[in-house]
Amino acid sequence: MNYIVFKNENALYYECGYSCDNAIFLKLGKDAFFITDGRYELEAKEQVKKAKVIISNMLLKEAITIIKKNKIKQLTIDPNEWNIFSFNRLKDTLKLNFNFVPNFSHKKRIIKTQKEIELLQKAVKIGKKSFKKIAQEILKNKGSKEFELNFLAESIFRAYGKRDISFEPILAINENAAKPHALPTKKKLKNKSLILLDGGVKYKRYCSDRTRTAFFDEDFSFKLNQKFHSKKMQKVYDLVRKAHDKAIAKARVGMRAKEIDKIARDVIEKGGYGKYFVHSTGHGVGLDIHEMPYISSRSDTIIEEGMVFTIEPGIYLPDEFGVRIEDMVVMQGSKAKVL
């Protein structure tokens, strides 16, 4: 297969073990080329694997020259990677057939190797330690504002991940937790508050992703077993926990992704909160924090051995509170194993 990767850093890294913010990867039959500029010459020549490093100040022109020289008649590209100007240059200069494959790299990466699973497992373990440390520090900072606690959480994730985090963490208190992607506010943490924390770290570029919802008191932690002072909060938490646990327990190789989504969604709908579960049940995780497969009601993707994805049902009650519980799983032995 002949294909080109255009400035997508994680896709570049997957192909040759190195990436930078200005590079093109070309795969033409058995030959591979990594084209970048002089700023990255030394690193590229040290780290690029199984590809010839070419240094140029005109990356696209160099790629076109190589494609012409090899008399390529068909080239696969991911249209999501290209801006109109760059693609038009490619199209107008090369007289060949383009094979458009959206999410080309994600499709290649959907089944994780054993090595990738081990890296993801390590990232998850570091992330779990981070949650424990964050809980300890939050206990010391009662009365802090939400944005201060958010900064605290990010600092700890960065420290444990040696500066690399999967995404900016979400830390939300009470009614702000009803926003799935809540931005931090000046709201103060008080006793008997609900706290939602969503965050992760990277280990050798591979991401972790975890969410816990907890009750804040003198015994505060992000453990799965939580006891809330409010009966309504407890009911909602237990329902989300049941959906989370059941989807993991029932997930099987050979299912469609939407069947796993339905397992979690049915639990919440039967509990009377269906309209408050406003996102999909999960998503793949790897070099990118959001990859294939997507565990949604619209996804016909067949679940296979080696796929890694999240299970993260949630219930969000506007102006009251929100609950989400999330873990990453890998499909092994036909079942879902929590990483």
C-alpha atoms as a PDB file:
ATOM      1  CA  MET A   1       0.000   0.000   0.000  1.00  0.00           C
ATOM      2  CA  ASN A   2       1.110   3.547  -0.778  1.00  0.00           C
ATOM      3  CA  TYR A   3       0.126   6.203   1.739  1.00  0.00           C
ATOM      4  CA  ILE A   4       1.108   9.585   3.132  1.00  0.00           C
ATOM      5  CA  VAL A   5       0.836  10.918   6.710  1.00  0.00           C
ATOM      6  CA  PHE A   6       0.720  14.704   6.886  1.00  0.00           C
ATOM      7  CA  LYS A   7       1.846  16.406  10.130  1.00  0.00           C
ATOM      8  CA  ASN A   8      -0.233  14.166  12.441  1.00  0.00           C
ATOM      9  CA  GLU A   9       2.233  13.616  15.293  1.00  0.00           C
ATOM     10  CA  ASN A  10       0.767  10.466  16.820  1.00  0.00           C
ATOM     11  CA  ALA A  11       0.286   8.916  13.385  1.00  0.00           C
ATOM     12  CA  LEU A  12       3.891   9.811  12.517  1.00  0.00           C
ATOM     13  CA  TYR A  13       5.140   8.288  15.760  1.00  0.00           C
ATOM     14  CA  TYR A  14       3.180   5.089  15.174  1.00  0.00           C
ATOM     15  CA  GLU A  15       4.794   4.669  11.766  1.00  0.00           C
ATOM     16  CA  CYS A  16       8.444   5.221  12.671  1.00  0.00           C
ATOM     17  CA  GLY A  17       8.931   5.825  16.408  1.00  0.00           C
ATOM     18  CA  TYR A  18       9.512   9.582  16.134  1.00  0.00           C
ATOM     19  CA  SER A  19       7.455  12.695  15.484  1.00  0.00           C
ATOM     20  CA  CYS A  20       7.771  16.464  15.378  1.00  0.00           C
ATOM     21  CA  ASP A  21       5.432  19.300  14.481  1.00  0.00           C
ATOM     22  CA  ASN A  22       6.651  19.629  10.880  1.00  0.00           C
ATOM     23  CA  ALA A  23       7.000  16.311   9.088  1.00  0.00           C
ATOM     24  CA  ILE A  24       5.578  14.047   6.405  1.00  0.00           C
ATOM     25  CA  PHE A  25       5.777  10.254   6.353  1.00  0.00           C
ATOM     26  CA  LEU A  26       5.600   8.470   3.021  1.00  0.00           C
ATOM     27  CA  LYS A  27       5.154   4.729   2.596  1.00  0.00           C
ATOM     28  CA  LEU A  28       5.594   3.597  -1.000  1.00  0.00           C
ATOM     29  CA  GLY A  29       5.534  -0.170  -1.235  1.00  0.00           C
ATOM     30  CA  LYS A  30       8.513  -1.438   0.764  1.00  0.00           C
ATOM     31  CA  ASP A  31      10.154   1.986   0.988  1.00  0.00           C
ATOM     32  CA  ALA A  32       9.463   4.580   3.680  1.00  0.00           C
ATOM     33  CA  PHE A  33      10.529   8.221   3.955  1.00  0.00           C
ATOM     34  CA  PHE A  34      10.415  10.674   6.881  1.00  0.00           C
ATOM     35  CA  ILE A  35      10.636  14.228   5.573  1.00  0.00           C
ATOM     36  CA  THR A  36      11.293  17.095   7.985  1.00  0.00           C
ATOM     37  CA  ASP A  37      13.253  20.337   8.238  1.00  0.00           C
ATOM     38  CA  GLY A  38      16.734  21.037   9.594  1.00  0.00           C
ATOM     39  CA  ARG A  39      15.570  21.844  13.123  1.00  0.00           C
ATOM     40  CA  TYR A  40      14.826  18.168  13.695  1.00  0.00           C
ATOM     41  CA  GLU A  41      17.648  16.586  11.672  1.00  0.00           C
ATOM     42  CA  LEU A  42      19.727  15.208  14.537  1.00  0.00           C
ATOM     43  CA  GLU A  43      16.806  13.829  16.526  1.00  0.00           C
ATOM     44  CA  ALA A  44      15.141  12.365  13.442  1.00  0.00           C
ATOM     45  CA  LYS A  45      18.296  10.575  12.326  1.00  0.00           C
ATOM     46  CA  GLU A  46      18.768   9.198  15.845  1.00  0.00           C
ATOM     47  CA  GLN A  47      15.190   8.047  16.455  1.00  0.00           C
ATOM     48  CA  VAL A  48      13.384   7.321  13.168  1.00  0.00           C
ATOM     49  CA  LYS A  49      13.069   3.589  12.545  1.00  0.00           C
ATOM     50  CA  LYS A  50      12.617   1.763   9.233  1.00  0.00           C
ATOM     51  CA  ALA A  51      12.429   4.955   7.156  1.00  0.00           C
ATOM     52  CA  LYS A  52      14.896   7.140   5.278  1.00  0.00           C
ATOM     53  CA  VAL A  53      15.216  10.617   6.812  1.00  0.00           C
ATOM     54  CA  ILE A  54      15.129  13.437   4.283  1.00  0.00           C
ATOM     55  CA  ILE A  55      15.824  17.048   5.312  1.00  0.00           C
ATOM     56  CA  SER A  56      14.100  19.787   3.332  1.00  0.00           C
ATOM     57  CA  ASN A  57      12.615  23.239   3.887  1.00  0.00           C
ATOM     58  CA  MET A  58       9.831  22.361   1.416  1.00  0.00           C
ATOM     59  CA  LEU A  59       8.272  19.198   2.754  1.00  0.00           C
ATOM     60  CA  LEU A  60       5.365  18.834   0.366  1.00  0.00           C
ATOM     61  CA  LYS A  61       7.493  19.603  -2.697  1.00  0.00           C
ATOM     62  CA  GLU A  62       9.969  16.944  -1.578  1.00  0.00           C
ATOM     63  CA  ALA A  63       7.170  14.407  -1.062  1.00  0.00           C
ATOM     64  CA  ILE A  64       5.752  15.135  -4.523  1.00  0.00           C
ATOM     65  CA  THR A  65       9.197  14.651  -6.080  1.00  0.00           C
ATOM     66  CA  ILE A  66       9.595  11.249  -4.395  1.00  0.00           C
ATOM     67  CA  ILE A  67       6.088  10.140  -5.433  1.00  0.00           C
ATOM     68  CA  LYS A  68       6.766  11.128  -9.057  1.00  0.00           C
ATOM     69  CA  LYS A  69      10.156   9.418  -9.067  1.00  0.00           C
ATOM     70  CA  ASN A  70       8.542   6.183  -7.874  1.00  0.00           C
ATOM     71  CA  LYS A  71       5.812   6.445 -10.557  1.00  0.00           C
ATOM     72  CA  ILE A  72       3.043   5.951  -8.007  1.00  0.00           C
ATOM     73  CA  LYS A  73      -0.453   5.583  -9.477  1.00  0.00           C
ATOM     74  CA  GLN A  74      -2.527   5.418  -6.279  1.00  0.00           C
ATOM     75  CA  LEU A  75      -2.027   7.056  -2.891  1.00  0.00           C
ATOM     76  CA  THR A  76      -4.012   6.638   0.329  1.00  0.00           C
ATOM     77  CA  ILE A  77      -4.566   9.758   2.438  1.00  0.00           C
ATOM     78  CA  ASP A  78      -6.611  10.689   5.481  1.00  0.00           C
ATOM     79  CA  PRO A  79      -8.700  13.735   4.456  1.00  0.00           C
ATOM     80  CA  ASN A  80      -8.948  14.769   8.106  1.00  0.00           C
ATOM     81  CA  GLU A  81      -5.211  15.553   8.156  1.00  0.00           C
ATOM     82  CA  TRP A  82      -5.133  17.920   5.196  1.00  0.00           C
ATOM     83  CA  ASN A  83      -5.945  21.591   4.795  1.00  0.00           C
ATOM     84  CA  ILE A  84      -7.437  22.662   1.460  1.00  0.00           C
ATOM     85  CA  PHE A  85      -4.347  24.553   0.309  1.00  0.00           C
ATOM     86  CA  SER A  86      -1.928  21.650   0.875  1.00  0.00           C
ATOM     87  CA  PHE A  87      -4.211  19.042  -0.647  1.00  0.00           C
ATOM     88  CA  ASN A  88      -4.823  21.174  -3.739  1.00  0.00           C
ATOM     89  CA  ARG A  89      -1.068  21.426  -4.238  1.00  0.00           C
ATOM     90  CA  LEU A  90      -0.836  17.646  -4.046  1.00  0.00           C
ATOM     91  CA  LYS A  91      -3.824  17.056  -6.310  1.00  0.00           C
ATOM     92  CA  ASP A  92      -2.870  19.632  -8.933  1.00  0.00           C
ATOM     93  CA  THR A  93       0.725  18.407  -9.177  1.00  0.00           C
ATOM     94  CA  LEU A  94       0.204  14.645  -9.095  1.00  0.00           C
ATOM     95  CA  LYS A  95      -1.906  12.904 -11.690  1.00  0.00           C
ATOM     96  CA  LEU A  96      -2.897   9.814  -9.733  1.00  0.00           C
ATOM     97  CA  ASN A  97      -5.829   8.244  -7.944  1.00  0.00           C
ATOM     98  CA  PHE A  98      -6.372   9.259  -4.329  1.00  0.00           C
ATOM     99  CA  ASN A  99      -7.834   6.732  -1.925  1.00  0.00           C
ATOM    100  CA  PHE A 100      -9.541   8.738   0.835  1.00  0.00           C
ATOM    101  CA  VAL A 101      -9.628   6.862   4.162  1.00  0.00           C
ATOM    102  CA  PRO A 102     -10.898   8.986   7.087  1.00  0.00           C
ATOM    103  CA  ASN A 103      -9.180   8.073  10.379  1.00  0.00           C
ATOM    104  CA  PHE A 104      -6.621   6.020   8.450  1.00  0.00           C
ATOM    105  CA  SER A 105      -4.111   5.843  11.319  1.00  0.00           C
ATOM    106  CA  HIS A 106      -6.781   5.197  13.952  1.00  0.00           C
ATOM    107  CA  LYS A 107      -8.026   2.238  11.913  1.00  0.00           C
ATOM    108  CA  LYS A 108      -4.501   0.835  11.748  1.00  0.00           C
ATOM    109  CA  ARG A 109      -4.139   1.264  15.523  1.00  0.00           C
ATOM    110  CA  ILE A 110      -7.534  -0.111  16.612  1.00  0.00           C
ATOM    111  CA  ILE A 111      -6.052  -3.484  17.643  1.00  0.00           C
ATOM    112  CA  LYS A 112      -3.300  -2.955  20.203  1.00  0.00           C
ATOM    113  CA  THR A 113      -0.169  -5.097  20.258  1.00  0.00           C
ATOM    114  CA  GLN A 114       0.910  -6.773  23.490  1.00  0.00           C
ATOM    115  CA  LYS A 115       3.622  -4.133  23.829  1.00  0.00           C
ATOM    116  CA  GLU A 116       1.058  -1.346  23.488  1.00  0.00           C
ATOM    117  CA  ILE A 117      -1.211  -3.006  26.065  1.00  0.00           C
ATOM    118  CA  GLU A 118       1.717  -3.134  28.499  1.00  0.00           C
ATOM    119  CA  LEU A 119       2.412   0.590  27.956  1.00  0.00           C
ATOM    120  CA  LEU A 120      -1.261   1.420  28.477  1.00  0.00           C
ATOM    121  CA  GLN A 121      -1.312  -0.732  31.619  1.00  0.00           C
ATOM    122  CA  LYS A 122       1.653   1.218  32.971  1.00  0.00           C
ATOM    123  CA  ALA A 123      -0.046   4.541  32.186  1.00  0.00           C
ATOM    124  CA  VAL A 124      -3.206   3.366  33.976  1.00  0.00           C
ATOM    125  CA  LYS A 125      -1.239   2.334  37.076  1.00  0.00           C
ATOM    126  CA  ILE A 126       0.496   5.724  37.223  1.00  0.00           C
ATOM    127  CA  GLY A 127      -2.881   7.416  36.776  1.00  0.00           C
ATOM    128  CA  LYS A 128      -4.348   5.404  39.652  1.00  0.00           C
ATOM    129  CA  LYS A 129      -1.496   6.468  41.951  1.00  0.00           C
ATOM    130  CA  SER A 130      -2.132  10.061  40.903  1.00  0.00           C
ATOM    131  CA  PHE A 131      -5.788   9.816  41.975  1.00  0.00           C
ATOM    132  CA  LYS A 132      -4.726   8.545  45.403  1.00  0.00           C
ATOM    133  CA  LYS A 133      -2.258  11.396  45.860  1.00  0.00           C
ATOM    134  CA  ILE A 134      -4.782  13.981  44.645  1.00  0.00           C
ATOM    135  CA  ALA A 135      -7.329  12.758  47.212  1.00  0.00           C
ATOM    136  CA  GLN A 136      -4.739  13.106  49.978  1.00  0.00           C
ATOM    137  CA  GLU A 137      -3.909  16.662  48.914  1.00  0.00           C
ATOM    138  CA  ILE A 138      -7.574  17.682  48.542  1.00  0.00           C
ATOM    139  CA  LEU A 139      -8.140  16.625  52.169  1.00  0.00           C
ATOM    140  CA  LYS A 140      -5.480  19.160  53.143  1.00  0.00           C
ATOM    141  CA  ASN A 141      -7.131  21.899  51.099  1.00  0.00           C
ATOM    142  CA  LYS A 142     -10.725  22.032  52.344  1.00  0.00           C
ATOM    143  CA  GLY A 143     -12.200  25.425  51.487  1.00  0.00           C
ATOM    144  CA  SER A 144     -10.129  25.800  48.315  1.00  0.00           C
ATOM    145  CA  LYS A 145     -11.810  27.010  45.155  1.00  0.00           C
ATOM    146  CA  GLU A 146     -12.568  24.611  42.338  1.00  0.00           C
ATOM    147  CA  PHE A 147     -10.026  26.160  39.971  1.00  0.00           C
ATOM    148  CA  GLU A 148      -7.341  25.877  42.682  1.00  0.00           C
ATOM    149  CA  LEU A 149      -8.097  22.183  43.150  1.00  0.00           C
ATOM    150  CA  ASN A 150      -8.103  21.703  39.386  1.00  0.00           C
ATOM    151  CA  PHE A 151      -4.622  23.210  39.206  1.00  0.00           C
ATOM    152  CA  LEU A 152      -3.544  21.002  42.112  1.00  0.00           C
ATOM    153  CA  ALA A 153      -4.820  17.898  40.337  1.00  0.00           C
ATOM    154  CA  GLU A 154      -3.089  18.817  37.079  1.00  0.00           C
ATOM    155  CA  SER A 155       0.186  19.452  38.929  1.00  0.00           C
ATOM    156  CA  ILE A 156       0.044  15.989  40.489  1.00  0.00           C
ATOM    157  CA  PHE A 157      -0.856  14.286  37.214  1.00  0.00           C
ATOM    158  CA  ARG A 158       2.100  16.057  35.582  1.00  0.00           C
ATOM    159  CA  ALA A 159       4.458  15.102  38.411  1.00  0.00           C
ATOM    160  CA  TYR A 160       3.484  11.422  38.289  1.00  0.00           C
ATOM    161  CA  GLY A 161       3.469  11.389  34.499  1.00  0.00           C
ATOM    162  CA  LYS A 162       6.752  13.325  34.346  1.00  0.00           C
ATOM    163  CA  ARG A 163       5.019  16.294  32.702  1.00  0.00           C
ATOM    164  CA  ASP A 164       2.942  14.375  30.142  1.00  0.00           C
ATOM    165  CA  ILE A 165      -0.820  14.273  30.741  1.00  0.00           C
ATOM    166  CA  SER A 166      -3.527  12.765  28.559  1.00  0.00           C
ATOM    167  CA  PHE A 167      -5.651  15.937  28.660  1.00  0.00           C
ATOM    168  CA  GLU A 168      -6.409  18.826  30.968  1.00  0.00           C
ATOM    169  CA  PRO A 169      -8.170  17.239  33.947  1.00  0.00           C
ATOM    170  CA  ILE A 170     -11.772  17.939  34.901  1.00  0.00           C
ATOM    171  CA  LEU A 171     -12.431  18.554  38.583  1.00  0.00           C
ATOM    172  CA  ALA A 172     -15.999  19.629  39.349  1.00  0.00           C
ATOM    173  CA  ILE A 173     -17.957  20.146  42.571  1.00  0.00           C
ATOM    174  CA  ASN A 174     -21.713  19.557  43.054  1.00  0.00           C
ATOM    175  CA  GLU A 175     -23.788  21.307  40.344  1.00  0.00           C
ATOM    176  CA  ASN A 176     -20.728  21.955  38.171  1.00  0.00           C
ATOM    177  CA  ALA A 177     -20.321  18.175  37.899  1.00  0.00           C
ATOM    178  CA  ALA A 178     -23.589  18.162  35.918  1.00  0.00           C
ATOM    179  CA  LYS A 179     -21.503  19.446  32.975  1.00  0.00           C
ATOM    180  CA  PRO A 180     -19.657  16.481  31.427  1.00  0.00           C
ATOM    181  CA  HIS A 181     -16.729  18.701  30.365  1.00  0.00           C
ATOM    182  CA  ALA A 182     -16.986  21.221  33.196  1.00  0.00           C
ATOM    183  CA  LEU A 183     -14.664  24.222  33.342  1.00  0.00           C
ATOM    184  CA  PRO A 184     -13.379  25.090  36.847  1.00  0.00           C
ATOM    185  CA  THR A 185     -15.119  27.872  38.766  1.00  0.00           C
ATOM    186  CA  LYS A 186     -14.570  29.846  41.975  1.00  0.00           C
ATOM    187  CA  LYS A 187     -16.921  27.506  43.842  1.00  0.00           C
ATOM    188  CA  LYS A 188     -15.450  26.471  47.207  1.00  0.00           C
ATOM    189  CA  LEU A 189     -15.078  22.907  48.413  1.00  0.00           C
ATOM    190  CA  LYS A 190     -17.114  22.287  51.547  1.00  0.00           C
ATOM    191  CA  ASN A 191     -17.816  19.250  53.681  1.00  0.00           C
ATOM    192  CA  LYS A 192     -20.437  16.865  52.204  1.00  0.00           C
ATOM    193  CA  SER A 193     -19.683  18.068  48.647  1.00  0.00           C
ATOM    194  CA  LEU A 194     -19.707  15.783  45.639  1.00  0.00           C
ATOM    195  CA  ILE A 195     -16.440  15.829  43.653  1.00  0.00           C
ATOM    196  CA  LEU A 196     -15.975  14.485  40.130  1.00  0.00           C
ATOM    197  CA  LEU A 197     -12.424  14.021  38.833  1.00  0.00           C
ATOM    198  CA  ASP A 198     -11.549  12.957  35.284  1.00  0.00           C
ATOM    199  CA  GLY A 199      -7.877  12.777  34.324  1.00  0.00           C
ATOM    200  CA  GLY A 200      -4.974  10.756  33.046  1.00  0.00           C
ATOM    201  CA  VAL A 201      -1.261  10.624  32.330  1.00  0.00           C
ATOM    202  CA  LYS A 202       0.910   9.448  29.467  1.00  0.00           C
ATOM    203  CA  TYR A 203       3.579   6.781  29.672  1.00  0.00           C
ATOM    204  CA  LYS A 204       5.888   6.686  26.666  1.00  0.00           C
ATOM    205  CA  ARG A 205       3.177   8.609  24.795  1.00  0.00           C
ATOM    206  CA  TYR A 206       0.361   6.150  25.624  1.00  0.00           C
ATOM    207  CA  CYS A 207      -2.599   7.621  27.520  1.00  0.00           C
ATOM    208  CA  SER A 208      -4.619   6.698  30.567  1.00  0.00           C
ATOM    209  CA  ASP A 209      -8.161   7.922  31.262  1.00  0.00           C
ATOM    210  CA  ARG A 210     -10.101   7.517  34.511  1.00  0.00           C
ATOM    211  CA  THR A 211     -13.069   9.184  36.221  1.00  0.00           C
ATOM    212  CA  ARG A 212     -14.243   8.911  39.787  1.00  0.00           C
ATOM    213  CA  THR A 213     -17.086  10.625  41.643  1.00  0.00           C
ATOM    214  CA  ALA A 214     -16.783  10.851  45.416  1.00  0.00           C
ATOM    215  CA  PHE A 215     -18.313  12.233  48.614  1.00  0.00           C
ATOM    216  CA  PHE A 216     -16.133  14.716  50.473  1.00  0.00           C
ATOM    217  CA  ASP A 217     -15.802  14.169  54.210  1.00  0.00           C
ATOM    218  CA  GLU A 218     -13.015  13.202  56.637  1.00  0.00           C
ATOM    219  CA  ASP A 219     -12.791   9.735  55.007  1.00  0.00           C
ATOM    220  CA  PHE A 220     -12.624  11.129  51.461  1.00  0.00           C
ATOM    221  CA  SER A 221     -11.034   8.984  48.744  1.00  0.00           C
ATOM    222  CA  PHE A 222     -11.684   8.100  45.105  1.00  0.00           C
ATOM    223  CA  LYS A 223     -12.508   4.453  45.830  1.00  0.00           C
ATOM    224  CA  LEU A 224     -15.433   2.885  43.972  1.00  0.00           C
ATOM    225  CA  ASN A 225     -17.494   2.267  47.097  1.00  0.00           C
ATOM    226  CA  GLN A 226     -18.989   5.634  48.034  1.00  0.00           C
ATOM    227  CA  LYS A 227     -21.567   6.678  50.641  1.00  0.00           C
ATOM    228  CA  PHE A 228     -23.354   9.993  50.102  1.00  0.00           C
ATOM    229  CA  HIS A 229     -25.392  11.973  52.649  1.00  0.00           C
ATOM    230  CA  SER A 230     -28.129  12.536  50.047  1.00  0.00           C
ATOM    231  CA  LYS A 231     -30.430   9.628  49.147  1.00  0.00           C
ATOM    232  CA  LYS A 232     -30.804  11.001  45.626  1.00  0.00           C
ATOM    233  CA  MET A 233     -27.049  11.250  45.119  1.00  0.00           C
ATOM    234  CA  GLN A 234     -26.650   7.707  46.431  1.00  0.00           C
ATOM    235  CA  LYS A 235     -29.354   6.377  44.118  1.00  0.00           C
ATOM    236  CA  VAL A 236     -27.787   8.038  41.064  1.00  0.00           C
ATOM    237  CA  TYR A 237     -24.275   6.935  42.026  1.00  0.00           C
ATOM    238  CA  ASP A 238     -25.365   3.327  42.555  1.00  0.00           C
ATOM    239  CA  LEU A 239     -27.168   3.345  39.197  1.00  0.00           C
ATOM    240  CA  VAL A 240     -24.080   4.616  37.345  1.00  0.00           C
ATOM    241  CA  ARG A 241     -21.917   2.084  39.183  1.00  0.00           C
ATOM    242  CA  LYS A 242     -24.290  -0.704  38.173  1.00  0.00           C
ATOM    243  CA  ALA A 243     -24.211   0.416  34.515  1.00  0.00           C
ATOM    244  CA  HIS A 244     -20.404   0.615  34.611  1.00  0.00           C
ATOM    245  CA  ASP A 245     -19.997  -2.819  36.214  1.00  0.00           C
ATOM    246  CA  LYS A 246     -22.560  -4.553  34.015  1.00  0.00           C
ATOM    247  CA  ALA A 247     -21.152  -3.191  30.747  1.00  0.00           C
ATOM    248  CA  ILE A 248     -17.685  -4.428  31.714  1.00  0.00           C
ATOM    249  CA  ALA A 249     -18.969  -7.818  32.870  1.00  0.00           C
ATOM    250  CA  LYS A 250     -21.102  -8.413  29.753  1.00  0.00           C
ATOM    251  CA  ALA A 251     -18.767  -7.057  27.046  1.00  0.00           C
ATOM    252  CA  ARG A 252     -17.614  -9.807  24.683  1.00  0.00           C
ATOM    253  CA  VAL A 253     -15.485 -10.167  21.581  1.00  0.00           C
ATOM    254  CA  GLY A 254     -17.811 -10.405  18.564  1.00  0.00           C
ATOM    255  CA  MET A 255     -20.338  -7.891  19.890  1.00  0.00           C
ATOM    256  CA  ARG A 256     -20.987  -4.646  18.071  1.00  0.00           C
ATOM    257  CA  ALA A 257     -19.835  -1.580  19.978  1.00  0.00           C
ATOM    258  CA  LYS A 258     -23.424  -0.321  20.134  1.00  0.00           C
ATOM    259  CA  GLU A 259     -24.442  -3.483  22.002  1.00  0.00           C
ATOM    260  CA  ILE A 260     -22.026  -2.625  24.823  1.00  0.00           C
ATOM    261  CA  ASP A 261     -23.380   0.929  24.854  1.00  0.00           C
ATOM    262  CA  LYS A 262     -26.900  -0.508  25.126  1.00  0.00           C
ATOM    263  CA  ILE A 263     -25.981  -2.634  28.158  1.00  0.00           C
ATOM    264  CA  ALA A 264     -24.959   0.464  30.111  1.00  0.00           C
ATOM    265  CA  ARG A 265     -27.733   2.655  28.709  1.00  0.00           C
ATOM    266  CA  ASP A 266     -30.478   0.133  29.527  1.00  0.00           C
ATOM    267  CA  VAL A 267     -29.490   0.129  33.201  1.00  0.00           C
ATOM    268  CA  ILE A 268     -29.746   3.901  33.419  1.00  0.00           C
ATOM    269  CA  GLU A 269     -32.969   4.076  31.391  1.00  0.00           C
ATOM    270  CA  LYS A 270     -34.637   1.432  33.586  1.00  0.00           C
ATOM    271  CA  GLY A 271     -33.588   3.483  36.590  1.00  0.00           C
ATOM    272  CA  GLY A 272     -35.502   6.461  35.190  1.00  0.00           C
ATOM    273  CA  TYR A 273     -32.529   8.644  34.232  1.00  0.00           C
ATOM    274  CA  GLY A 274     -32.073   7.763  30.550  1.00  0.00           C
ATOM    275  CA  LYS A 275     -32.355  11.333  29.240  1.00  0.00           C
ATOM    276  CA  TYR A 276     -29.575  12.417  31.603  1.00  0.00           C
ATOM    277  CA  PHE A 277     -27.006  10.027  30.092  1.00  0.00           C
ATOM    278  CA  VAL A 278     -25.936  12.456  27.386  1.00  0.00           C
ATOM    279  CA  HIS A 279     -22.790  10.935  25.863  1.00  0.00           C
ATOM    280  CA  SER A 280     -21.565   7.598  24.565  1.00  0.00           C
ATOM    281  CA  THR A 281     -20.472   4.793  26.875  1.00  0.00           C
ATOM    282  CA  GLY A 282     -16.824   4.900  25.859  1.00  0.00           C
ATOM    283  CA  HIS A 283     -14.018   5.425  23.377  1.00  0.00           C
ATOM    284  CA  GLY A 284     -10.753   3.817  22.392  1.00  0.00           C
ATOM    285  CA  VAL A 285      -7.521   4.998  24.023  1.00  0.00           C
ATOM    286  CA  GLY A 286      -3.946   4.737  22.783  1.00  0.00           C
ATOM    287  CA  LEU A 287      -1.511   7.325  21.502  1.00  0.00           C
ATOM    288  CA  ASP A 288      -4.541   9.632  21.276  1.00  0.00           C
ATOM    289  CA  ILE A 289      -6.937  10.034  24.179  1.00  0.00           C
ATOM    290  CA  HIS A 290      -9.871   9.469  21.799  1.00  0.00           C
ATOM    291  CA  GLU A 291      -9.381   6.674  19.280  1.00  0.00           C
ATOM    292  CA  MET A 292     -11.378   3.875  17.728  1.00  0.00           C
ATOM    293  CA  PRO A 293     -13.455   1.960  18.700  1.00  0.00           C
ATOM    294  CA  TYR A 294     -16.194   4.323  19.828  1.00  0.00           C
ATOM    295  CA  ILE A 295     -18.647   2.625  22.179  1.00  0.00           C
ATOM    296  CA  SER A 296     -21.732   4.518  21.093  1.00  0.00           C
ATOM    297  CA  SER A 297     -25.327   3.797  20.108  1.00  0.00           C
ATOM    298  CA  ARG A 298     -24.403   4.404  16.449  1.00  0.00           C
ATOM    299  CA  SER A 299     -21.263   2.270  16.211  1.00  0.00           C
ATOM    300  CA  ASP A 300     -21.403  -1.001  14.282  1.00  0.00           C
ATOM    301  CA  THR A 301     -17.714  -1.727  14.953  1.00  0.00           C
ATOM    302  CA  ILE A 302     -17.185  -5.403  15.805  1.00  0.00           C
ATOM    303  CA  ILE A 303     -15.303  -5.752  19.090  1.00  0.00           C
ATOM    304  CA  GLU A 304     -12.089  -7.768  18.704  1.00  0.00           C
ATOM    305  CA  GLU A 305      -9.301  -9.149  20.866  1.00  0.00           C
ATOM    306  CA  GLY A 306      -6.727  -6.487  21.692  1.00  0.00           C
ATOM    307  CA  MET A 307      -9.059  -3.510  21.552  1.00  0.00           C
ATOM    308  CA  VAL A 308      -8.684  -1.024  24.416  1.00  0.00           C
ATOM    309  CA  PHE A 309     -11.472   1.372  25.327  1.00  0.00           C
ATOM    310  CA  THR A 310     -13.193   3.129  28.216  1.00  0.00           C
ATOM    311  CA  ILE A 311     -16.448   2.292  29.912  1.00  0.00           C
ATOM    312  CA  GLU A 312     -17.793   5.561  31.345  1.00  0.00           C
ATOM    313  CA  PRO A 313     -21.546   5.854  31.883  1.00  0.00           C
ATOM    314  CA  GLY A 314     -22.806   9.018  33.546  1.00  0.00           C
ATOM    315  CA  ILE A 315     -25.898  10.834  34.788  1.00  0.00           C
ATOM    316  CA  TYR A 316     -25.987  14.637  34.752  1.00  0.00           C
ATOM    317  CA  LEU A 317     -28.774  16.499  36.535  1.00  0.00           C
ATOM    318  CA  PRO A 318     -28.721  20.215  35.608  1.00  0.00           C
ATOM    319  CA  ASP A 319     -28.218  22.604  38.539  1.00  0.00           C
ATOM    320  CA  GLU A 320     -27.902  19.651  40.944  1.00  0.00           C
ATOM    321  CA  PHE A 321     -24.937  17.307  40.390  1.00  0.00           C
ATOM    322  CA  GLY A 322     -23.411  14.795  38.006  1.00  0.00           C
ATOM    323  CA  VAL A 323     -21.922  11.322  38.381  1.00  0.00           C
ATOM    324  CA  ARG A 324     -19.514   9.556  36.033  1.00  0.00           C
ATOM    325  CA  ILE A 325     -17.435   6.419  36.648  1.00  0.00           C
ATOM    326  CA  GLU A 326     -14.799   5.473  34.089  1.00  0.00           C
ATOM    327  CA  ASP A 327     -12.254   2.705  33.650  1.00  0.00           C
ATOM    328  CA  MET A 328     -10.180   1.499  30.716  1.00  0.00           C
ATOM    329  CA  VAL A 329     -10.561  -2.124  29.615  1.00  0.00           C
ATOM    330  CA  VAL A 330      -8.738  -4.408  27.201  1.00  0.00           C
ATOM    331  CA  MET A 331     -10.424  -7.264  25.390  1.00  0.00           C
ATOM    332  CA  GLN A 332      -8.534 -10.419  26.340  1.00  0.00           C
ATOM    333  CA  GLY A 333      -9.754 -13.997  26.351  1.00  0.00           C
ATOM    334  CA  SER A 334     -12.973 -12.776  24.688  1.00  0.00           C
ATOM    335  CA  LYS A 335     -13.871 -10.643  27.753  1.00  0.00           C
ATOM    336  CA  ALA A 336     -13.207  -7.149  29.052  1.00  0.00           C
ATOM    337  CA  LYS A 337     -10.345  -6.911  31.555  1.00  0.00           C
ATOM    338  CA  VAL A 338     -10.053  -3.708  33.587  1.00  0.00           C
ATOM    339  CA  LEU A 339      -6.609  -2.211  33.087  1.00  0.00           C
END
